[in-house]
Amino acid sequence: MVRILIKEMEEYAKKEKIPIMLPDGIAYLEQYLKEHNIKKILEIGTAIGYSAIRMANVNEEIEITSIERDQNRYQKAIQNIEAAGYQKRIHVKLCDALEFETEEQFDLIFIDAAKSQYIKFFEKFDQNLKQGGTIVSDNLDFHGFTKMETRIESKNLRQMVNKIRNYIEYLKNNKNYQTTFLEIGDGIGISVKQ
């Protein structure tokens, strides 16, 4: 049942050009949740609910708070989560993540939203991550652009890539976290709170 829904979501995302995690990236994340016995997750960037559903599918004790600011994607996510039967475990908030406030503590925070805001997201939600918890950041390769030596012509793309590069440097220099960079999917950062 959920497997069929996941396939449909993948096709929908492709057709509508909605960015979802690449197959090996999401497979790695699912494995990570299993191995580290993750139960409480904060997701920044719900989109259509794809990764939230995939994560919730790992273990029936997993509970996810997910934030989405786009009204249409939020509605689609709610539909998909209800179709999966996960509405008691995935709670989607319609708001800008930078305006979202919570006292909750999470085992894992998954950042997959506006790339230009990654440092702000990281700093804002650091206090909501348990000691020894993990922040997972997706799209650090950004389709190979962050590793390009040549100058990127498009000004907007260049600015975006520079922000991601700055974020990568920020992670490397953050003494409170031990970050591992993985060449999986579109590039993933695994930052463990020390």
N, C-alpha and C. Protein backbone atom coordinates (compact mmCIF):
# COMPACT_ATOMS: atom_id res chain seq x y z
N MET A 1 0.83 -1.21 0.00
CA MET A 1 0.00 0.00 0.00
C MET A 1 0.87 1.27 0.00
N VAL A 2 1.70 1.39 1.03
CA VAL A 2 2.58 2.58 1.10
C VAL A 2 3.59 2.55 -0.05
N ARG A 3 4.03 1.33 -0.42
CA ARG A 3 5.01 1.20 -1.51
C ARG A 3 4.46 1.76 -2.82
N ILE A 4 3.16 1.49 -3.08
CA ILE A 4 2.51 1.99 -4.30
C ILE A 4 2.44 3.52 -4.25
N LEU A 5 2.07 4.05 -3.09
CA LEU A 5 1.99 5.51 -2.90
C LEU A 5 3.35 6.16 -3.15
N ILE A 6 4.40 5.55 -2.62
CA ILE A 6 5.76 6.10 -2.80
C ILE A 6 6.11 6.17 -4.28
N LYS A 7 5.80 5.11 -5.03
CA LYS A 7 6.04 5.10 -6.49
C LYS A 7 5.27 6.23 -7.17
N GLU A 8 4.01 6.39 -6.78
CA GLU A 8 3.18 7.46 -7.37
C GLU A 8 3.75 8.83 -7.05
N MET A 9 4.26 9.00 -5.83
CA MET A 9 4.85 10.28 -5.43
C MET A 9 6.11 10.57 -6.24
N GLU A 10 6.90 9.54 -6.47
CA GLU A 10 8.13 9.72 -7.26
C GLU A 10 7.79 10.16 -8.69
N GLU A 11 6.76 9.55 -9.24
CA GLU A 11 6.34 9.93 -10.61
C GLU A 11 5.78 11.35 -10.63
N TYR A 12 4.99 11.68 -9.62
CA TYR A 12 4.41 13.03 -9.52
C TYR A 12 5.52 14.09 -9.40
N ALA A 13 6.49 13.81 -8.53
CA ALA A 13 7.60 14.76 -8.31
C ALA A 13 8.39 14.99 -9.60
N LYS A 14 8.59 13.91 -10.35
CA LYS A 14 9.33 14.01 -11.61
C LYS A 14 8.55 14.87 -12.61
N LYS A 15 7.26 14.58 -12.72
CA LYS A 15 6.40 15.29 -13.67
C LYS A 15 6.28 16.78 -13.33
N GLU A 16 6.09 17.06 -12.03
CA GLU A 16 5.88 18.44 -11.58
C GLU A 16 7.18 19.17 -11.21
N LYS A 17 8.31 18.49 -11.44
CA LYS A 17 9.64 19.05 -11.12
C LYS A 17 9.74 19.49 -9.65
N ILE A 18 9.29 18.63 -8.76
CA ILE A 18 9.40 18.90 -7.32
C ILE A 18 10.61 18.13 -6.82
N PRO A 19 11.58 18.84 -6.23
CA PRO A 19 12.79 18.14 -5.80
C PRO A 19 12.53 17.23 -4.60
N ILE A 20 12.83 15.94 -4.79
CA ILE A 20 12.77 14.99 -3.68
C ILE A 20 14.15 14.34 -3.60
N MET A 21 14.42 13.67 -2.50
CA MET A 21 15.72 13.03 -2.33
C MET A 21 15.95 11.97 -3.40
N LEU A 22 17.19 11.87 -3.86
CA LEU A 22 17.54 10.86 -4.86
C LEU A 22 17.49 9.47 -4.21
N PRO A 23 17.25 8.41 -5.01
CA PRO A 23 17.04 7.07 -4.45
C PRO A 23 18.12 6.59 -3.48
N ASP A 24 19.40 6.76 -3.82
CA ASP A 24 20.44 6.27 -2.89
C ASP A 24 20.56 7.15 -1.65
N GLY A 25 20.19 8.43 -1.77
CA GLY A 25 20.20 9.33 -0.62
C GLY A 25 19.14 8.94 0.40
N ILE A 26 17.91 8.70 -0.08
CA ILE A 26 16.82 8.34 0.83
C ILE A 26 17.05 6.94 1.41
N ALA A 27 17.62 6.05 0.61
CA ALA A 27 17.91 4.69 1.11
C ALA A 27 18.94 4.76 2.24
N TYR A 28 19.95 5.63 2.07
CA TYR A 28 20.96 5.81 3.12
C TYR A 28 20.30 6.38 4.39
N LEU A 29 19.44 7.36 4.23
CA LEU A 29 18.78 7.99 5.37
C LEU A 29 17.93 6.97 6.13
N GLU A 30 17.20 6.14 5.40
CA GLU A 30 16.38 5.10 6.05
C GLU A 30 17.26 4.15 6.87
N GLN A 31 18.39 3.77 6.29
CA GLN A 31 19.33 2.87 6.98
C GLN A 31 19.88 3.55 8.24
N TYR A 32 20.19 4.83 8.12
CA TYR A 32 20.73 5.60 9.25
C TYR A 32 19.72 5.62 10.41
N LEU A 33 18.44 5.83 10.09
CA LEU A 33 17.40 5.86 11.12
C LEU A 33 17.32 4.52 11.85
N LYS A 34 17.42 3.44 11.08
CA LYS A 34 17.39 2.08 11.67
C LYS A 34 18.57 1.87 12.60
N GLU A 35 19.77 2.13 12.08
CA GLU A 35 21.01 1.85 12.82
C GLU A 35 21.13 2.67 14.09
N HIS A 36 20.61 3.90 14.08
CA HIS A 36 20.76 4.79 15.23
C HIS A 36 19.49 4.89 16.08
N ASN A 37 18.52 4.04 15.77
CA ASN A 37 17.30 3.97 16.57
C ASN A 37 16.65 5.35 16.75
N ILE A 38 16.53 6.08 15.65
CA ILE A 38 15.96 7.43 15.66
C ILE A 38 14.44 7.34 15.84
N LYS A 39 13.91 8.16 16.75
CA LYS A 39 12.46 8.13 17.02
C LYS A 39 11.79 9.49 16.74
N LYS A 40 12.45 10.58 17.11
CA LYS A 40 11.84 11.90 16.93
C LYS A 40 12.63 12.72 15.92
N ILE A 41 11.93 13.16 14.87
CA ILE A 41 12.58 13.85 13.75
C ILE A 41 11.92 15.20 13.50
N LEU A 42 12.75 16.21 13.23
CA LEU A 42 12.26 17.50 12.73
C LEU A 42 12.74 17.61 11.29
N GLU A 43 11.79 17.81 10.38
CA GLU A 43 12.13 17.95 8.97
C GLU A 43 11.86 19.38 8.52
N ILE A 44 12.85 20.01 7.93
CA ILE A 44 12.68 21.38 7.42
C ILE A 44 12.57 21.27 5.91
N GLY A 45 11.35 21.47 5.41
CA GLY A 45 11.07 21.32 3.98
C GLY A 45 10.31 20.03 3.71
N THR A 46 9.00 20.07 3.84
CA THR A 46 8.16 18.89 3.64
C THR A 46 8.01 18.54 2.17
N ALA A 47 7.89 19.59 1.33
CA ALA A 47 7.50 19.45 -0.08
C ALA A 47 6.21 18.64 -0.14
N ILE A 48 6.19 17.49 -0.84
CA ILE A 48 4.94 16.72 -0.97
C ILE A 48 4.85 15.60 0.07
N GLY A 49 5.76 15.60 1.04
CA GLY A 49 5.71 14.61 2.11
C GLY A 49 6.48 13.33 1.83
N TYR A 50 7.22 13.33 0.73
CA TYR A 50 7.92 12.11 0.29
C TYR A 50 8.91 11.57 1.33
N SER A 51 9.87 12.40 1.73
CA SER A 51 10.88 11.90 2.67
C SER A 51 10.29 11.63 4.05
N ALA A 52 9.29 12.42 4.45
CA ALA A 52 8.64 12.18 5.75
C ALA A 52 7.98 10.80 5.76
N ILE A 53 7.29 10.47 4.68
CA ILE A 53 6.63 9.17 4.58
C ILE A 53 7.67 8.04 4.54
N ARG A 54 8.74 8.25 3.78
CA ARG A 54 9.80 7.23 3.72
C ARG A 54 10.43 7.01 5.10
N MET A 55 10.64 8.10 5.83
CA MET A 55 11.25 7.99 7.17
C MET A 55 10.27 7.32 8.15
N ALA A 56 9.01 7.73 8.11
CA ALA A 56 8.00 7.16 9.01
C ALA A 56 7.82 5.67 8.74
N ASN A 57 8.05 5.27 7.52
CA ASN A 57 7.87 3.89 7.09
C ASN A 57 8.94 2.95 7.67
N VAL A 58 10.04 3.53 8.16
CA VAL A 58 11.15 2.74 8.71
C VAL A 58 10.74 2.01 9.99
N ASN A 59 9.99 2.72 10.84
CA ASN A 59 9.68 2.19 12.17
C ASN A 59 8.40 2.86 12.66
N GLU A 60 7.47 2.07 13.19
CA GLU A 60 6.19 2.66 13.59
C GLU A 60 6.28 3.53 14.83
N GLU A 61 7.45 3.59 15.47
CA GLU A 61 7.62 4.48 16.63
C GLU A 61 8.15 5.85 16.22
N ILE A 62 8.52 5.99 14.95
CA ILE A 62 9.06 7.28 14.49
C ILE A 62 7.94 8.31 14.40
N GLU A 63 8.25 9.49 14.97
CA GLU A 63 7.32 10.61 14.93
C GLU A 63 8.04 11.80 14.31
N ILE A 64 7.36 12.47 13.37
CA ILE A 64 8.01 13.54 12.60
C ILE A 64 7.20 14.83 12.68
N THR A 65 7.91 15.93 12.95
CA THR A 65 7.34 17.27 12.79
C THR A 65 7.99 17.82 11.54
N SER A 66 7.18 18.23 10.58
CA SER A 66 7.72 18.69 9.30
C SER A 66 7.19 20.08 8.99
N ILE A 67 8.04 20.93 8.42
CA ILE A 67 7.67 22.33 8.17
C ILE A 67 7.69 22.62 6.67
N GLU A 68 6.62 23.20 6.18
CA GLU A 68 6.53 23.58 4.76
C GLU A 68 5.88 24.95 4.65
N ARG A 69 6.44 25.82 3.84
CA ARG A 69 5.85 27.17 3.74
C ARG A 69 4.99 27.36 2.48
N ASP A 70 5.12 26.45 1.51
CA ASP A 70 4.33 26.56 0.28
C ASP A 70 2.96 25.90 0.47
N GLN A 71 1.91 26.69 0.30
CA GLN A 71 0.53 26.23 0.54
C GLN A 71 0.17 24.99 -0.30
N ASN A 72 0.50 25.01 -1.59
CA ASN A 72 0.14 23.90 -2.48
C ASN A 72 0.87 22.61 -2.11
N ARG A 73 2.16 22.74 -1.83
CA ARG A 73 2.93 21.56 -1.44
C ARG A 73 2.45 21.02 -0.09
N TYR A 74 2.13 21.94 0.79
CA TYR A 74 1.60 21.56 2.11
C TYR A 74 0.33 20.72 1.94
N GLN A 75 -0.61 21.20 1.09
CA GLN A 75 -1.87 20.48 0.86
C GLN A 75 -1.60 19.09 0.29
N LYS A 76 -0.67 19.03 -0.68
CA LYS A 76 -0.33 17.75 -1.32
C LYS A 76 0.29 16.80 -0.29
N ALA A 77 1.14 17.35 0.57
CA ALA A 77 1.77 16.53 1.62
C ALA A 77 0.72 15.95 2.55
N ILE A 78 -0.23 16.77 2.97
CA ILE A 78 -1.30 16.31 3.86
C ILE A 78 -2.08 15.16 3.22
N GLN A 79 -2.41 15.32 1.93
CA GLN A 79 -3.12 14.25 1.18
C GLN A 79 -2.30 12.96 1.19
N ASN A 80 -1.01 13.08 0.87
CA ASN A 80 -0.15 11.90 0.78
C ASN A 80 0.02 11.22 2.14
N ILE A 81 0.18 12.03 3.18
CA ILE A 81 0.38 11.48 4.53
C ILE A 81 -0.89 10.74 4.99
N GLU A 82 -2.05 11.31 4.66
CA GLU A 82 -3.32 10.64 5.00
C GLU A 82 -3.47 9.36 4.19
N ALA A 83 -3.08 9.39 2.92
CA ALA A 83 -3.15 8.19 2.07
C ALA A 83 -2.25 7.08 2.62
N ALA A 84 -1.13 7.48 3.23
CA ALA A 84 -0.21 6.51 3.83
C ALA A 84 -0.71 6.03 5.19
N GLY A 85 -1.66 6.77 5.77
CA GLY A 85 -2.18 6.44 7.10
C GLY A 85 -1.24 6.86 8.22
N TYR A 86 -0.41 7.89 7.96
CA TYR A 86 0.60 8.32 8.93
C TYR A 86 0.27 9.65 9.60
N GLN A 87 -1.00 10.11 9.49
CA GLN A 87 -1.32 11.43 10.03
C GLN A 87 -1.16 11.54 11.54
N LYS A 88 -1.13 10.41 12.26
CA LYS A 88 -0.92 10.48 13.72
C LYS A 88 0.57 10.61 14.06
N ARG A 89 1.44 10.31 13.09
CA ARG A 89 2.89 10.33 13.36
C ARG A 89 3.66 11.40 12.60
N ILE A 90 3.05 11.94 11.54
CA ILE A 90 3.71 13.04 10.80
C ILE A 90 2.83 14.28 10.95
N HIS A 91 3.40 15.29 11.59
CA HIS A 91 2.66 16.54 11.85
C HIS A 91 3.28 17.65 11.00
N VAL A 92 2.53 18.12 10.00
CA VAL A 92 3.06 19.14 9.09
C VAL A 92 2.59 20.52 9.53
N LYS A 93 3.54 21.44 9.62
CA LYS A 93 3.24 22.83 10.00
C LYS A 93 3.39 23.71 8.76
N LEU A 94 2.37 24.49 8.47
CA LEU A 94 2.42 25.41 7.34
C LEU A 94 2.98 26.75 7.82
N CYS A 95 4.26 26.96 7.63
CA CYS A 95 4.88 28.23 8.03
C CYS A 95 6.32 28.27 7.51
N ASP A 96 6.93 29.43 7.65
CA ASP A 96 8.35 29.58 7.33
C ASP A 96 9.12 28.97 8.49
N ALA A 97 10.07 28.11 8.19
CA ALA A 97 10.83 27.41 9.25
C ALA A 97 11.52 28.40 10.19
N LEU A 98 11.93 29.55 9.67
CA LEU A 98 12.64 30.52 10.52
C LEU A 98 11.69 31.20 11.51
N GLU A 99 10.38 31.05 11.30
CA GLU A 99 9.40 31.63 12.23
C GLU A 99 8.80 30.56 13.14
N PHE A 100 9.17 29.31 12.90
CA PHE A 100 8.61 28.20 13.68
C PHE A 100 9.31 28.10 15.04
N GLU A 101 8.51 27.99 16.10
CA GLU A 101 9.08 27.88 17.45
C GLU A 101 8.61 26.59 18.10
N THR A 102 9.52 25.89 18.74
CA THR A 102 9.16 24.68 19.47
C THR A 102 10.14 24.45 20.62
N GLU A 103 9.64 23.84 21.68
CA GLU A 103 10.49 23.48 22.82
C GLU A 103 10.96 22.03 22.69
N GLU A 104 10.39 21.31 21.73
CA GLU A 104 10.67 19.88 21.61
C GLU A 104 12.14 19.58 21.33
N GLN A 105 12.53 18.40 21.76
CA GLN A 105 13.89 17.91 21.51
C GLN A 105 13.80 16.76 20.51
N PHE A 106 14.71 16.76 19.54
CA PHE A 106 14.68 15.76 18.47
C PHE A 106 15.98 14.95 18.43
N ASP A 107 15.84 13.71 17.95
CA ASP A 107 17.01 12.84 17.76
C ASP A 107 17.73 13.22 16.47
N LEU A 108 16.93 13.69 15.50
CA LEU A 108 17.50 14.00 14.19
C LEU A 108 16.75 15.17 13.57
N ILE A 109 17.51 16.06 12.94
CA ILE A 109 16.92 17.18 12.20
C ILE A 109 17.36 17.02 10.75
N PHE A 110 16.39 17.03 9.85
CA PHE A 110 16.67 16.84 8.42
C PHE A 110 16.41 18.16 7.70
N ILE A 111 17.47 18.73 7.12
CA ILE A 111 17.35 20.02 6.41
C ILE A 111 17.35 19.76 4.91
N ASP A 112 16.22 20.08 4.28
CA ASP A 112 16.09 19.91 2.83
C ASP A 112 15.11 20.97 2.33
N ALA A 113 15.48 22.23 2.54
CA ALA A 113 14.59 23.34 2.16
C ALA A 113 15.43 24.38 1.40
N ALA A 114 15.12 25.67 1.59
CA ALA A 114 15.84 26.73 0.87
C ALA A 114 17.34 26.66 1.16
N LYS A 115 18.11 26.34 0.13
CA LYS A 115 19.56 26.13 0.30
C LYS A 115 20.26 27.37 0.86
N SER A 116 19.74 28.55 0.49
CA SER A 116 20.39 29.80 0.92
C SER A 116 20.24 30.03 2.42
N GLN A 117 19.33 29.29 3.07
CA GLN A 117 19.06 29.50 4.50
C GLN A 117 19.65 28.41 5.40
N TYR A 118 20.45 27.50 4.85
CA TYR A 118 20.91 26.35 5.62
C TYR A 118 21.61 26.74 6.92
N ILE A 119 22.47 27.74 6.91
CA ILE A 119 23.18 28.13 8.14
C ILE A 119 22.17 28.63 9.18
N LYS A 120 21.21 29.44 8.73
CA LYS A 120 20.19 29.96 9.66
C LYS A 120 19.36 28.84 10.26
N PHE A 121 18.97 27.86 9.41
CA PHE A 121 18.21 26.71 9.92
C PHE A 121 19.03 25.96 10.97
N PHE A 122 20.28 25.72 10.64
CA PHE A 122 21.17 24.95 11.51
C PHE A 122 21.28 25.63 12.88
N GLU A 123 21.52 26.94 12.87
CA GLU A 123 21.71 27.68 14.12
C GLU A 123 20.40 27.81 14.91
N LYS A 124 19.30 28.00 14.20
CA LYS A 124 18.01 28.16 14.89
C LYS A 124 17.61 26.88 15.62
N PHE A 125 17.78 25.73 14.99
CA PHE A 125 17.28 24.48 15.56
C PHE A 125 18.31 23.66 16.33
N ASP A 126 19.52 24.17 16.41
CA ASP A 126 20.59 23.51 17.17
C ASP A 126 20.13 23.21 18.60
N GLN A 127 19.41 24.16 19.22
CA GLN A 127 18.94 24.01 20.61
C GLN A 127 17.87 22.92 20.75
N ASN A 128 17.25 22.54 19.63
CA ASN A 128 16.20 21.51 19.66
C ASN A 128 16.75 20.10 19.40
N LEU A 129 18.06 20.02 19.23
CA LEU A 129 18.67 18.71 18.96
C LEU A 129 19.28 18.15 20.23
N LYS A 130 18.93 16.90 20.54
CA LYS A 130 19.50 16.25 21.72
C LYS A 130 21.01 16.11 21.58
N GLN A 131 21.70 16.04 22.72
CA GLN A 131 23.13 15.75 22.74
C GLN A 131 23.35 14.41 22.03
N GLY A 132 24.31 14.36 21.13
CA GLY A 132 24.55 13.12 20.38
C GLY A 132 23.62 12.96 19.19
N GLY A 133 22.70 13.91 19.02
CA GLY A 133 21.77 13.87 17.89
C GLY A 133 22.45 14.27 16.59
N THR A 134 21.71 14.15 15.50
CA THR A 134 22.28 14.35 14.17
C THR A 134 21.49 15.37 13.36
N ILE A 135 22.22 16.23 12.65
CA ILE A 135 21.59 17.10 11.66
C ILE A 135 22.03 16.57 10.29
N VAL A 136 21.05 16.21 9.46
CA VAL A 136 21.33 15.71 8.12
C VAL A 136 20.99 16.82 7.13
N SER A 137 21.95 17.19 6.28
CA SER A 137 21.73 18.24 5.28
C SER A 137 21.81 17.61 3.88
N ASP A 138 20.78 17.83 3.07
CA ASP A 138 20.76 17.28 1.72
C ASP A 138 21.17 18.34 0.69
N ASN A 139 21.52 17.87 -0.49
CA ASN A 139 21.85 18.71 -1.67
C ASN A 139 23.15 19.50 -1.55
N LEU A 140 24.14 18.97 -0.85
CA LEU A 140 25.39 19.72 -0.69
C LEU A 140 26.25 19.72 -1.96
N ASP A 141 25.98 18.78 -2.87
CA ASP A 141 26.69 18.81 -4.17
C ASP A 141 25.97 19.73 -5.14
N PHE A 142 24.70 19.91 -4.92
CA PHE A 142 23.84 20.73 -5.77
C PHE A 142 24.10 20.44 -7.25
N HIS A 143 23.79 19.22 -7.64
CA HIS A 143 23.92 18.74 -9.03
C HIS A 143 25.35 18.88 -9.56
N GLY A 144 26.31 18.80 -8.66
CA GLY A 144 27.72 18.88 -9.08
C GLY A 144 28.28 20.30 -9.14
N PHE A 145 27.44 21.29 -8.97
CA PHE A 145 27.89 22.69 -9.09
C PHE A 145 28.85 23.11 -7.99
N THR A 146 28.69 22.59 -6.76
CA THR A 146 29.56 23.06 -5.67
C THR A 146 31.01 22.62 -5.87
N LYS A 147 31.22 21.61 -6.71
CA LYS A 147 32.60 21.13 -6.94
C LYS A 147 33.20 21.69 -8.24
N MET A 148 32.40 22.46 -8.98
CA MET A 148 32.88 22.99 -10.26
C MET A 148 34.01 23.99 -10.05
N GLU A 149 35.06 23.83 -10.84
CA GLU A 149 36.21 24.75 -10.76
C GLU A 149 35.93 26.01 -11.60
N THR A 150 35.25 25.81 -12.73
CA THR A 150 35.03 26.93 -13.64
C THR A 150 33.96 27.86 -13.09
N ARG A 151 33.97 29.10 -13.57
CA ARG A 151 33.03 30.11 -13.10
C ARG A 151 31.64 29.81 -13.65
N ILE A 152 30.64 29.89 -12.78
CA ILE A 152 29.26 29.66 -13.20
C ILE A 152 28.71 30.95 -13.77
N GLU A 153 28.16 30.87 -14.99
CA GLU A 153 27.70 32.07 -15.70
C GLU A 153 26.50 32.74 -15.03
N SER A 154 25.49 31.96 -14.71
CA SER A 154 24.27 32.53 -14.15
C SER A 154 24.53 33.10 -12.75
N LYS A 155 24.18 34.39 -12.59
CA LYS A 155 24.44 35.07 -11.32
C LYS A 155 23.67 34.42 -10.16
N ASN A 156 22.38 34.12 -10.38
CA ASN A 156 21.55 33.50 -9.33
C ASN A 156 22.11 32.15 -8.91
N LEU A 157 22.48 31.35 -9.91
CA LEU A 157 23.02 30.02 -9.63
C LEU A 157 24.35 30.15 -8.88
N ARG A 158 25.17 31.11 -9.31
CA ARG A 158 26.48 31.33 -8.67
C ARG A 158 26.29 31.70 -7.19
N GLN A 159 25.33 32.59 -6.92
CA GLN A 159 25.07 33.00 -5.53
C GLN A 159 24.61 31.82 -4.68
N MET A 160 23.72 31.00 -5.27
CA MET A 160 23.20 29.82 -4.57
C MET A 160 24.34 28.86 -4.24
N VAL A 161 25.18 28.59 -5.24
CA VAL A 161 26.30 27.66 -5.06
C VAL A 161 27.27 28.20 -4.01
N ASN A 162 27.52 29.51 -4.01
CA ASN A 162 28.41 30.10 -3.01
C ASN A 162 27.84 29.96 -1.60
N LYS A 163 26.52 30.08 -1.48
CA LYS A 163 25.89 29.91 -0.15
C LYS A 163 26.05 28.48 0.34
N ILE A 164 25.90 27.51 -0.57
CA ILE A 164 26.08 26.10 -0.18
C ILE A 164 27.54 25.85 0.19
N ARG A 165 28.46 26.41 -0.59
CA ARG A 165 29.90 26.26 -0.27
C ARG A 165 30.21 26.86 1.10
N ASN A 166 29.61 28.02 1.39
CA ASN A 166 29.80 28.65 2.71
C ASN A 166 29.26 27.76 3.82
N TYR A 167 28.14 27.12 3.54
CA TYR A 167 27.54 26.21 4.53
C TYR A 167 28.46 25.02 4.78
N ILE A 168 29.03 24.48 3.72
CA ILE A 168 29.96 23.35 3.86
C ILE A 168 31.15 23.76 4.73
N GLU A 169 31.68 24.96 4.48
CA GLU A 169 32.80 25.47 5.30
C GLU A 169 32.36 25.66 6.76
N TYR A 170 31.14 26.17 6.92
CA TYR A 170 30.57 26.37 8.25
C TYR A 170 30.54 25.04 9.01
N LEU A 171 30.09 23.98 8.34
CA LEU A 171 30.03 22.65 8.96
C LEU A 171 31.42 22.14 9.31
N LYS A 172 32.36 22.34 8.40
CA LYS A 172 33.74 21.86 8.64
C LYS A 172 34.35 22.54 9.85
N ASN A 173 34.00 23.81 10.06
CA ASN A 173 34.61 24.59 11.14
C ASN A 173 33.80 24.63 12.43
N ASN A 174 32.65 23.96 12.44
CA ASN A 174 31.79 23.98 13.62
C ASN A 174 32.30 22.95 14.63
N LYS A 175 32.88 23.46 15.72
CA LYS A 175 33.53 22.59 16.73
C LYS A 175 32.52 21.79 17.57
N ASN A 176 31.26 22.23 17.56
CA ASN A 176 30.23 21.53 18.34
C ASN A 176 29.68 20.29 17.64
N TYR A 177 30.05 20.14 16.38
CA TYR A 177 29.55 19.03 15.57
C TYR A 177 30.70 18.33 14.85
N GLN A 178 30.54 17.03 14.69
CA GLN A 178 31.47 16.25 13.88
C GLN A 178 30.72 15.93 12.59
N THR A 179 31.18 16.50 11.48
CA THR A 179 30.45 16.32 10.22
C THR A 179 31.18 15.40 9.26
N THR A 180 30.42 14.48 8.68
CA THR A 180 30.92 13.59 7.63
C THR A 180 30.18 13.95 6.35
N PHE A 181 30.92 14.11 5.26
CA PHE A 181 30.29 14.44 3.97
C PHE A 181 30.27 13.18 3.11
N LEU A 182 29.10 12.87 2.59
CA LEU A 182 28.92 11.65 1.81
C LEU A 182 28.57 11.96 0.37
N GLU A 183 29.21 11.23 -0.52
CA GLU A 183 28.94 11.37 -1.96
C GLU A 183 27.77 10.46 -2.32
N ILE A 184 26.64 10.70 -1.69
CA ILE A 184 25.45 9.88 -1.91
C ILE A 184 24.33 10.81 -2.34
N GLY A 185 23.49 10.36 -3.26
CA GLY A 185 22.40 11.21 -3.72
C GLY A 185 22.97 12.48 -4.31
N ASP A 186 22.51 13.62 -3.83
CA ASP A 186 23.01 14.92 -4.30
C ASP A 186 23.96 15.52 -3.26
N GLY A 187 24.63 14.64 -2.50
CA GLY A 187 25.59 15.11 -1.48
C GLY A 187 24.89 15.32 -0.15
N ILE A 188 25.32 14.58 0.86
CA ILE A 188 24.69 14.64 2.18
C ILE A 188 25.73 14.96 3.25
N GLY A 189 25.36 15.81 4.19
CA GLY A 189 26.20 16.08 5.35
C GLY A 189 25.55 15.45 6.58
N ILE A 190 26.35 14.69 7.34
CA ILE A 190 25.86 14.07 8.57
C ILE A 190 26.62 14.73 9.72
N SER A 191 25.94 15.60 10.46
CA SER A 191 26.58 16.36 11.53
C SER A 191 26.09 15.86 12.90
N VAL A 192 27.01 15.28 13.66
CA VAL A 192 26.64 14.71 14.97
C VAL A 192 27.04 15.68 16.07
N LYS A 193 26.09 15.99 16.95
CA LYS A 193 26.32 16.96 18.03
C LYS A 193 27.23 16.32 19.09
N GLN A 194 28.33 17.00 19.36
CA GLN A 194 29.33 16.47 20.29
C GLN A 194 28.97 16.72 21.73
